Amino acid sequence: AAGDQQHFVAGASQFLAALDDVPAV
């Protein structure tokens, strides 16, 4: 169950990392 839901944490981390590179941010 932890592995199934871990992708939410990893996905949020990757999502925010991608946004961090946007000039508007």
mmCIF file of all heavy atoms, coordinates in Angstrom:
data_MODEL
# 
_entry.id   MODEL 
# 
loop_
_atom_site.group_PDB 
_atom_site.id 
_atom_site.type_symbol 
_atom_site.label_atom_id 
_atom_site.label_alt_id 
_atom_site.label_comp_id 
_atom_site.label_asym_id 
_atom_site.label_entity_id 
_atom_site.label_seq_id 
_atom_site.pdbx_PDB_ins_code 
_atom_site.Cartn_x 
_atom_site.Cartn_y 
_atom_site.Cartn_z 
_atom_site.occupancy 
_atom_site.B_iso_or_equiv 
_atom_site.pdbx_formal_charge 
_atom_site.auth_seq_id 
_atom_site.auth_comp_id 
_atom_site.auth_asym_id 
_atom_site.auth_atom_id 
_atom_site.pdbx_PDB_model_num 
ATOM 1   N N   . ALA A 1 1  ? 0.828  -1.207 0.000   1.00 0.00 ? 1  ALA A N   1 
ATOM 2   C CA  . ALA A 1 1  ? 0.000  0.000  0.000   1.00 0.00 ? 1  ALA A CA  1 
ATOM 3   C C   . ALA A 1 1  ? 0.860  1.253  0.000   1.00 0.00 ? 1  ALA A C   1 
ATOM 4   O O   . ALA A 1 1  ? 0.560  2.235  -0.688  1.00 0.00 ? 1  ALA A O   1 
ATOM 5   C CB  . ALA A 1 1  ? -0.931 -0.011 1.212   1.00 0.00 ? 1  ALA A CB  1 
ATOM 6   N N   . ALA A 1 2  ? 1.951  1.230  0.783   1.00 0.00 ? 2  ALA A N   1 
ATOM 7   C CA  . ALA A 1 2  ? 2.851  2.392  0.807   1.00 0.00 ? 2  ALA A CA  1 
ATOM 8   C C   . ALA A 1 2  ? 3.480  2.605  -0.561  1.00 0.00 ? 2  ALA A C   1 
ATOM 9   O O   . ALA A 1 2  ? 3.629  3.742  -1.025  1.00 0.00 ? 2  ALA A O   1 
ATOM 10  C CB  . ALA A 1 2  ? 3.927  2.197  1.871   1.00 0.00 ? 2  ALA A CB  1 
ATOM 11  N N   . GLY A 1 3  ? 3.848  1.500  -1.228  1.00 0.00 ? 3  GLY A N   1 
ATOM 12  C CA  . GLY A 1 3  ? 4.417  1.633  -2.563  1.00 0.00 ? 3  GLY A CA  1 
ATOM 13  C C   . GLY A 1 3  ? 3.416  2.166  -3.570  1.00 0.00 ? 3  GLY A C   1 
ATOM 14  O O   . GLY A 1 3  ? 3.754  2.981  -4.428  1.00 0.00 ? 3  GLY A O   1 
ATOM 15  N N   . ASP A 1 4  ? 2.144  1.721  -3.433  1.00 0.00 ? 4  ASP A N   1 
ATOM 16  C CA  . ASP A 1 4  ? 1.108  2.203  -4.346  1.00 0.00 ? 4  ASP A CA  1 
ATOM 17  C C   . ASP A 1 4  ? 0.881  3.707  -4.196  1.00 0.00 ? 4  ASP A C   1 
ATOM 18  O O   . ASP A 1 4  ? 0.626  4.416  -5.175  1.00 0.00 ? 4  ASP A O   1 
ATOM 19  C CB  . ASP A 1 4  ? -0.208 1.462  -4.082  1.00 0.00 ? 4  ASP A CB  1 
ATOM 20  C CG  . ASP A 1 4  ? -0.171 0.035  -4.594  1.00 0.00 ? 4  ASP A CG  1 
ATOM 21  O OD1 . ASP A 1 4  ? 0.726  -0.269 -5.398  1.00 0.00 ? 4  ASP A OD1 1 
ATOM 22  O OD2 . ASP A 1 4  ? -1.029 -0.763 -4.193  1.00 0.00 ? 4  ASP A OD2 1 
ATOM 23  N N   . GLN A 1 5  ? 0.957  4.191  -2.971  1.00 0.00 ? 5  GLN A N   1 
ATOM 24  C CA  . GLN A 1 5  ? 0.654  5.597  -2.721  1.00 0.00 ? 5  GLN A CA  1 
ATOM 25  C C   . GLN A 1 5  ? 1.902  6.482  -2.753  1.00 0.00 ? 5  GLN A C   1 
ATOM 26  O O   . GLN A 1 5  ? 1.799  7.704  -2.765  1.00 0.00 ? 5  GLN A O   1 
ATOM 27  C CB  . GLN A 1 5  ? -0.067 5.739  -1.379  1.00 0.00 ? 5  GLN A CB  1 
ATOM 28  C CG  . GLN A 1 5  ? -1.337 4.915  -1.345  1.00 0.00 ? 5  GLN A CG  1 
ATOM 29  C CD  . GLN A 1 5  ? -2.254 5.247  -0.193  1.00 0.00 ? 5  GLN A CD  1 
ATOM 30  O OE1 . GLN A 1 5  ? -2.455 6.399  0.133   1.00 0.00 ? 5  GLN A OE1 1 
ATOM 31  N NE2 . GLN A 1 5  ? -2.803 4.222  0.424   1.00 0.00 ? 5  GLN A NE2 1 
ATOM 32  N N   . GLN A 1 6  ? 3.070  5.841  -2.797  1.00 0.00 ? 6  GLN A N   1 
ATOM 33  C CA  . GLN A 1 6  ? 4.312  6.604  -2.848  1.00 0.00 ? 6  GLN A CA  1 
ATOM 34  C C   . GLN A 1 6  ? 4.403  7.459  -4.112  1.00 0.00 ? 6  GLN A C   1 
ATOM 35  O O   . GLN A 1 6  ? 5.041  8.516  -4.113  1.00 0.00 ? 6  GLN A O   1 
ATOM 36  C CB  . GLN A 1 6  ? 5.502  5.637  -2.791  1.00 0.00 ? 6  GLN A CB  1 
ATOM 37  C CG  . GLN A 1 6  ? 6.875  6.296  -2.931  1.00 0.00 ? 6  GLN A CG  1 
ATOM 38  C CD  . GLN A 1 6  ? 7.137  7.276  -1.809  1.00 0.00 ? 6  GLN A CD  1 
ATOM 39  O OE1 . GLN A 1 6  ? 6.702  7.034  -0.683  1.00 0.00 ? 6  GLN A OE1 1 
ATOM 40  N NE2 . GLN A 1 6  ? 7.819  8.362  -2.101  1.00 0.00 ? 6  GLN A NE2 1 
ATOM 41  N N   . HIS A 1 7  ? 3.738  7.010  -5.177  1.00 0.00 ? 7  HIS A N   1 
ATOM 42  C CA  . HIS A 1 7  ? 3.866  7.764  -6.424  1.00 0.00 ? 7  HIS A CA  1 
ATOM 43  C C   . HIS A 1 7  ? 3.235  9.151  -6.299  1.00 0.00 ? 7  HIS A C   1 
ATOM 44  O O   . HIS A 1 7  ? 3.566  10.058 -7.069  1.00 0.00 ? 7  HIS A O   1 
ATOM 45  C CB  . HIS A 1 7  ? 3.236  6.991  -7.590  1.00 0.00 ? 7  HIS A CB  1 
ATOM 46  C CG  . HIS A 1 7  ? 1.753  7.027  -7.639  1.00 0.00 ? 7  HIS A CG  1 
ATOM 47  N ND1 . HIS A 1 7  ? 0.959  6.176  -6.920  1.00 0.00 ? 7  HIS A ND1 1 
ATOM 48  C CD2 . HIS A 1 7  ? 0.892  7.832  -8.337  1.00 0.00 ? 7  HIS A CD2 1 
ATOM 49  C CE1 . HIS A 1 7  ? -0.300 6.432  -7.166  1.00 0.00 ? 7  HIS A CE1 1 
ATOM 50  N NE2 . HIS A 1 7  ? -0.386 7.432  -8.019  1.00 0.00 ? 7  HIS A NE2 1 
ATOM 51  N N   . PHE A 1 8  ? 2.325  9.345  -5.338  1.00 0.00 ? 8  PHE A N   1 
ATOM 52  C CA  . PHE A 1 8  ? 1.769  10.674 -5.127  1.00 0.00 ? 8  PHE A CA  1 
ATOM 53  C C   . PHE A 1 8  ? 2.840  11.618 -4.585  1.00 0.00 ? 8  PHE A C   1 
ATOM 54  O O   . PHE A 1 8  ? 2.936  12.773 -5.000  1.00 0.00 ? 8  PHE A O   1 
ATOM 55  C CB  . PHE A 1 8  ? 0.589  10.627 -4.160  1.00 0.00 ? 8  PHE A CB  1 
ATOM 56  C CG  . PHE A 1 8  ? -0.699 10.261 -4.828  1.00 0.00 ? 8  PHE A CG  1 
ATOM 57  C CD1 . PHE A 1 8  ? -1.331 9.075  -4.535  1.00 0.00 ? 8  PHE A CD1 1 
ATOM 58  C CD2 . PHE A 1 8  ? -1.282 11.100 -5.770  1.00 0.00 ? 8  PHE A CD2 1 
ATOM 59  C CE1 . PHE A 1 8  ? -2.517 8.728  -5.149  1.00 0.00 ? 8  PHE A CE1 1 
ATOM 60  C CE2 . PHE A 1 8  ? -2.468 10.769 -6.390  1.00 0.00 ? 8  PHE A CE2 1 
ATOM 61  C CZ  . PHE A 1 8  ? -3.086 9.574  -6.085  1.00 0.00 ? 8  PHE A CZ  1 
ATOM 62  N N   . VAL A 1 9  ? 3.636  11.121 -3.646  1.00 0.00 ? 9  VAL A N   1 
ATOM 63  C CA  . VAL A 1 9  ? 4.722  11.941 -3.094  1.00 0.00 ? 9  VAL A CA  1 
ATOM 64  C C   . VAL A 1 9  ? 5.750  12.224 -4.172  1.00 0.00 ? 9  VAL A C   1 
ATOM 65  O O   . VAL A 1 9  ? 6.174  13.370 -4.366  1.00 0.00 ? 9  VAL A O   1 
ATOM 66  C CB  . VAL A 1 9  ? 5.371  11.234 -1.887  1.00 0.00 ? 9  VAL A CB  1 
ATOM 67  C CG1 . VAL A 1 9  ? 6.515  12.069 -1.335  1.00 0.00 ? 9  VAL A CG1 1 
ATOM 68  C CG2 . VAL A 1 9  ? 4.337  10.980 -0.793  1.00 0.00 ? 9  VAL A CG2 1 
ATOM 69  N N   . ALA A 1 10 ? 6.161  11.169 -4.890  1.00 0.00 ? 10 ALA A N   1 
ATOM 70  C CA  . ALA A 1 10 ? 7.148  11.357 -5.947  1.00 0.00 ? 10 ALA A CA  1 
ATOM 71  C C   . ALA A 1 10 ? 6.594  12.251 -7.055  1.00 0.00 ? 10 ALA A C   1 
ATOM 72  O O   . ALA A 1 10 ? 7.308  13.116 -7.589  1.00 0.00 ? 10 ALA A O   1 
ATOM 73  C CB  . ALA A 1 10 ? 7.562  10.003 -6.521  1.00 0.00 ? 10 ALA A CB  1 
ATOM 74  N N   . GLY A 1 11 ? 5.316  12.054 -7.391  1.00 0.00 ? 11 GLY A N   1 
ATOM 75  C CA  . GLY A 1 11 ? 4.710  12.887 -8.434  1.00 0.00 ? 11 GLY A CA  1 
ATOM 76  C C   . GLY A 1 11 ? 4.634  14.345 -8.033  1.00 0.00 ? 11 GLY A C   1 
ATOM 77  O O   . GLY A 1 11 ? 4.900  15.243 -8.844  1.00 0.00 ? 11 GLY A O   1 
ATOM 78  N N   . ALA A 1 12 ? 4.286  14.614 -6.762  1.00 0.00 ? 12 ALA A N   1 
ATOM 79  C CA  . ALA A 1 12 ? 4.231  15.996 -6.292  1.00 0.00 ? 12 ALA A CA  1 
ATOM 80  C C   . ALA A 1 12 ? 5.609  16.628 -6.309  1.00 0.00 ? 12 ALA A C   1 
ATOM 81  O O   . ALA A 1 12 ? 5.771  17.799 -6.678  1.00 0.00 ? 12 ALA A O   1 
ATOM 82  C CB  . ALA A 1 12 ? 3.643  16.044 -4.885  1.00 0.00 ? 12 ALA A CB  1 
ATOM 83  N N   . SER A 1 13 ? 6.619  15.857 -5.912  1.00 0.00 ? 13 SER A N   1 
ATOM 84  C CA  . SER A 1 13 ? 7.987  16.385 -5.915  1.00 0.00 ? 13 SER A CA  1 
ATOM 85  C C   . SER A 1 13 ? 8.438  16.743 -7.333  1.00 0.00 ? 13 SER A C   1 
ATOM 86  O O   . SER A 1 13 ? 9.013  17.810 -7.577  1.00 0.00 ? 13 SER A O   1 
ATOM 87  C CB  . SER A 1 13 ? 8.933  15.355 -5.297  1.00 0.00 ? 13 SER A CB  1 
ATOM 88  O OG  . SER A 1 13 ? 10.261 15.810 -5.325  1.00 0.00 ? 13 SER A OG  1 
ATOM 89  N N   . GLN A 1 14 ? 8.176  15.846 -8.291  1.00 0.00 ? 14 GLN A N   1 
ATOM 90  C CA  . GLN A 1 14 ? 8.563  16.108 -9.679  1.00 0.00 ? 14 GLN A CA  1 
ATOM 91  C C   . GLN A 1 14 ? 7.772  17.274 -10.279 1.00 0.00 ? 14 GLN A C   1 
ATOM 92  O O   . GLN A 1 14 ? 8.315  18.083 -11.030 1.00 0.00 ? 14 GLN A O   1 
ATOM 93  C CB  . GLN A 1 14 ? 8.365  14.840 -10.505 1.00 0.00 ? 14 GLN A CB  1 
ATOM 94  C CG  . GLN A 1 14 ? 9.275  13.691 -10.099 1.00 0.00 ? 14 GLN A CG  1 
ATOM 95  C CD  . GLN A 1 14 ? 8.884  12.379 -10.744 1.00 0.00 ? 14 GLN A CD  1 
ATOM 96  O OE1 . GLN A 1 14 ? 7.951  12.322 -11.553 1.00 0.00 ? 14 GLN A OE1 1 
ATOM 97  N NE2 . GLN A 1 14 ? 9.577  11.304 -10.385 1.00 0.00 ? 14 GLN A NE2 1 
ATOM 98  N N   . PHE A 1 15 ? 6.494  17.345 -9.928  1.00 0.00 ? 15 PHE A N   1 
ATOM 99  C CA  . PHE A 1 15 ? 5.645  18.417 -10.438 1.00 0.00 ? 15 PHE A CA  1 
ATOM 100 C C   . PHE A 1 15 ? 6.162  19.782 -9.978  1.00 0.00 ? 15 PHE A C   1 
ATOM 101 O O   . PHE A 1 15 ? 6.285  20.732 -10.769 1.00 0.00 ? 15 PHE A O   1 
ATOM 102 C CB  . PHE A 1 15 ? 4.214  18.188 -9.956  1.00 0.00 ? 15 PHE A CB  1 
ATOM 103 C CG  . PHE A 1 15 ? 3.223  19.194 -10.451 1.00 0.00 ? 15 PHE A CG  1 
ATOM 104 C CD1 . PHE A 1 15 ? 2.727  19.151 -11.747 1.00 0.00 ? 15 PHE A CD1 1 
ATOM 105 C CD2 . PHE A 1 15 ? 2.776  20.206 -9.616  1.00 0.00 ? 15 PHE A CD2 1 
ATOM 106 C CE1 . PHE A 1 15 ? 1.804  20.081 -12.204 1.00 0.00 ? 15 PHE A CE1 1 
ATOM 107 C CE2 . PHE A 1 15 ? 1.852  21.138 -10.059 1.00 0.00 ? 15 PHE A CE2 1 
ATOM 108 C CZ  . PHE A 1 15 ? 1.366  21.084 -11.356 1.00 0.00 ? 15 PHE A CZ  1 
ATOM 109 N N   . LEU A 1 16 ? 6.489  19.881 -8.684  1.00 0.00 ? 16 LEU A N   1 
ATOM 110 C CA  . LEU A 1 16 ? 6.984  21.149 -8.145  1.00 0.00 ? 16 LEU A CA  1 
ATOM 111 C C   . LEU A 1 16 ? 8.374  21.477 -8.695  1.00 0.00 ? 16 LEU A C   1 
ATOM 112 O O   . LEU A 1 16 ? 8.693  22.656 -8.926  1.00 0.00 ? 16 LEU A O   1 
ATOM 113 C CB  . LEU A 1 16 ? 7.017  21.088 -6.617  1.00 0.00 ? 16 LEU A CB  1 
ATOM 114 C CG  . LEU A 1 16 ? 5.648  21.035 -5.926  1.00 0.00 ? 16 LEU A CG  1 
ATOM 115 C CD1 . LEU A 1 16 ? 5.813  20.833 -4.421  1.00 0.00 ? 16 LEU A CD1 1 
ATOM 116 C CD2 . LEU A 1 16 ? 4.851  22.307 -6.203  1.00 0.00 ? 16 LEU A CD2 1 
ATOM 117 N N   . ALA A 1 17 ? 9.203  20.450 -8.892  1.00 0.00 ? 17 ALA A N   1 
ATOM 118 C CA  . ALA A 1 17 ? 10.538 20.679 -9.453  1.00 0.00 ? 17 ALA A CA  1 
ATOM 119 C C   . ALA A 1 17 ? 10.437 21.234 -10.869 1.00 0.00 ? 17 ALA A C   1 
ATOM 120 O O   . ALA A 1 17 ? 11.207 22.132 -11.264 1.00 0.00 ? 17 ALA A O   1 
ATOM 121 C CB  . ALA A 1 17 ? 11.343 19.380 -9.440  1.00 0.00 ? 17 ALA A CB  1 
ATOM 122 N N   . ALA A 1 18 ? 9.463  20.723 -11.653 1.00 0.00 ? 18 ALA A N   1 
ATOM 123 C CA  . ALA A 1 18 ? 9.280  21.236 -13.004 1.00 0.00 ? 18 ALA A CA  1 
ATOM 124 C C   . ALA A 1 18 ? 8.780  22.676 -12.981 1.00 0.00 ? 18 ALA A C   1 
ATOM 125 O O   . ALA A 1 18 ? 9.224  23.524 -13.776 1.00 0.00 ? 18 ALA A O   1 
ATOM 126 C CB  . ALA A 1 18 ? 8.305  20.333 -13.767 1.00 0.00 ? 18 ALA A CB  1 
ATOM 127 N N   . LEU A 1 19 ? 7.865  22.983 -12.053 1.00 0.00 ? 19 LEU A N   1 
ATOM 128 C CA  . LEU A 1 19 ? 7.355  24.355 -11.951 1.00 0.00 ? 19 LEU A CA  1 
ATOM 129 C C   . LEU A 1 19 ? 8.449  25.331 -11.519 1.00 0.00 ? 19 LEU A C   1 
ATOM 130 O O   . LEU A 1 19 ? 8.433  26.509 -11.905 1.00 0.00 ? 19 LEU A O   1 
ATOM 131 C CB  . LEU A 1 19 ? 6.206  24.414 -10.942 1.00 0.00 ? 19 LEU A CB  1 
ATOM 132 C CG  . LEU A 1 19 ? 4.811  24.006 -11.429 1.00 0.00 ? 19 LEU A CG  1 
ATOM 133 C CD1 . LEU A 1 19 ? 3.798  24.172 -10.294 1.00 0.00 ? 19 LEU A CD1 1 
ATOM 134 C CD2 . LEU A 1 19 ? 4.400  24.843 -12.624 1.00 0.00 ? 19 LEU A CD2 1 
ATOM 135 N N   . ASP A 1 20 ? 9.381  24.858 -10.749 1.00 0.00 ? 20 ASP A N   1 
ATOM 136 C CA  . ASP A 1 20 ? 10.434 25.729 -10.238 1.00 0.00 ? 20 ASP A CA  1 
ATOM 137 C C   . ASP A 1 20 ? 11.298 26.304 -11.358 1.00 0.00 ? 20 ASP A C   1 
ATOM 138 O O   . ASP A 1 20 ? 11.930 27.352 -11.200 1.00 0.00 ? 20 ASP A O   1 
ATOM 139 C CB  . ASP A 1 20 ? 11.305 24.935 -9.246  1.00 0.00 ? 20 ASP A CB  1 
ATOM 140 C CG  . ASP A 1 20 ? 12.306 25.823 -8.525  1.00 0.00 ? 20 ASP A CG  1 
ATOM 141 O OD1 . ASP A 1 20 ? 11.965 26.984 -8.223  1.00 0.00 ? 20 ASP A OD1 1 
ATOM 142 O OD2 . ASP A 1 20 ? 13.421 25.356 -8.254  1.00 0.00 ? 20 ASP A OD2 1 
ATOM 143 N N   . ASP A 1 21 ? 11.324 25.613 -12.482 1.00 0.00 ? 21 ASP A N   1 
ATOM 144 C CA  . ASP A 1 21 ? 12.136 26.077 -13.608 1.00 0.00 ? 21 ASP A CA  1 
ATOM 145 C C   . ASP A 1 21 ? 11.393 27.046 -14.527 1.00 0.00 ? 21 ASP A C   1 
ATOM 146 O O   . ASP A 1 21 ? 11.983 27.594 -15.464 1.00 0.00 ? 21 ASP A O   1 
ATOM 147 C CB  . ASP A 1 21 ? 12.618 24.871 -14.441 1.00 0.00 ? 21 ASP A CB  1 
ATOM 148 C CG  . ASP A 1 21 ? 13.641 24.032 -13.687 1.00 0.00 ? 21 ASP A CG  1 
ATOM 149 O OD1 . ASP A 1 21 ? 14.378 24.613 -12.866 1.00 0.00 ? 21 ASP A OD1 1 
ATOM 150 O OD2 . ASP A 1 21 ? 13.686 22.810 -13.912 1.00 0.00 ? 21 ASP A OD2 1 
ATOM 151 N N   . VAL A 1 22 ? 10.102 27.264 -14.271 1.00 0.00 ? 22 VAL A N   1 
ATOM 152 C CA  . VAL A 1 22 ? 9.312  28.161 -15.113 1.00 0.00 ? 22 VAL A CA  1 
ATOM 153 C C   . VAL A 1 22 ? 9.651  29.615 -14.776 1.00 0.00 ? 22 VAL A C   1 
ATOM 154 O O   . VAL A 1 22 ? 9.687  29.988 -13.597 1.00 0.00 ? 22 VAL A O   1 
ATOM 155 C CB  . VAL A 1 22 ? 7.803  27.898 -14.902 1.00 0.00 ? 22 VAL A CB  1 
ATOM 156 C CG1 . VAL A 1 22 ? 6.969  28.895 -15.693 1.00 0.00 ? 22 VAL A CG1 1 
ATOM 157 C CG2 . VAL A 1 22 ? 7.457  26.465 -15.309 1.00 0.00 ? 22 VAL A CG2 1 
ATOM 158 N N   . PRO A 1 23 ? 9.928  30.469 -15.773 1.00 0.00 ? 23 PRO A N   1 
ATOM 159 C CA  . PRO A 1 23 ? 10.298 31.865 -15.499 1.00 0.00 ? 23 PRO A CA  1 
ATOM 160 C C   . PRO A 1 23 ? 9.270  32.613 -14.660 1.00 0.00 ? 23 PRO A C   1 
ATOM 161 O O   . PRO A 1 23 ? 9.644  33.434 -13.809 1.00 0.00 ? 23 PRO A O   1 
ATOM 162 C CB  . PRO A 1 23 ? 10.425 32.467 -16.897 1.00 0.00 ? 23 PRO A CB  1 
ATOM 163 C CG  . PRO A 1 23 ? 10.773 31.307 -17.780 1.00 0.00 ? 23 PRO A CG  1 
ATOM 164 C CD  . PRO A 1 23 ? 10.051 30.146 -17.216 1.00 0.00 ? 23 PRO A CD  1 
ATOM 165 N N   . ALA A 1 24 ? 7.992  32.349 -14.882 1.00 0.00 ? 24 ALA A N   1 
ATOM 166 C CA  . ALA A 1 24 ? 6.969  33.050 -14.112 1.00 0.00 ? 24 ALA A CA  1 
ATOM 167 C C   . ALA A 1 24 ? 7.120  32.789 -12.619 1.00 0.00 ? 24 ALA A C   1 
ATOM 168 O O   . ALA A 1 24 ? 6.826  33.653 -11.778 1.00 0.00 ? 24 ALA A O   1 
ATOM 169 C CB  . ALA A 1 24 ? 5.580  32.623 -14.576 1.00 0.00 ? 24 ALA A CB  1 
ATOM 170 N N   . VAL A 1 25 ? 7.573  31.592 -12.270 1.00 0.00 ? 25 VAL A N   1 
ATOM 171 C CA  . VAL A 1 25 ? 7.781  31.248 -10.855 1.00 0.00 ? 25 VAL A CA  1 
ATOM 172 C C   . VAL A 1 25 ? 9.110  31.812 -10.376 1.00 0.00 ? 25 VAL A C   1 
ATOM 173 O O   . VAL A 1 25 ? 9.203  32.405 -9.293  1.00 0.00 ? 25 VAL A O   1 
ATOM 174 C CB  . VAL A 1 25 ? 7.721  29.722 -10.666 1.00 0.00 ? 25 VAL A CB  1 
ATOM 175 C CG1 . VAL A 1 25 ? 8.063  29.342 -9.229  1.00 0.00 ? 25 VAL A CG1 1 
ATOM 176 C CG2 . VAL A 1 25 ? 6.339  29.189 -11.038 1.00 0.00 ? 25 VAL A CG2 1 
# 
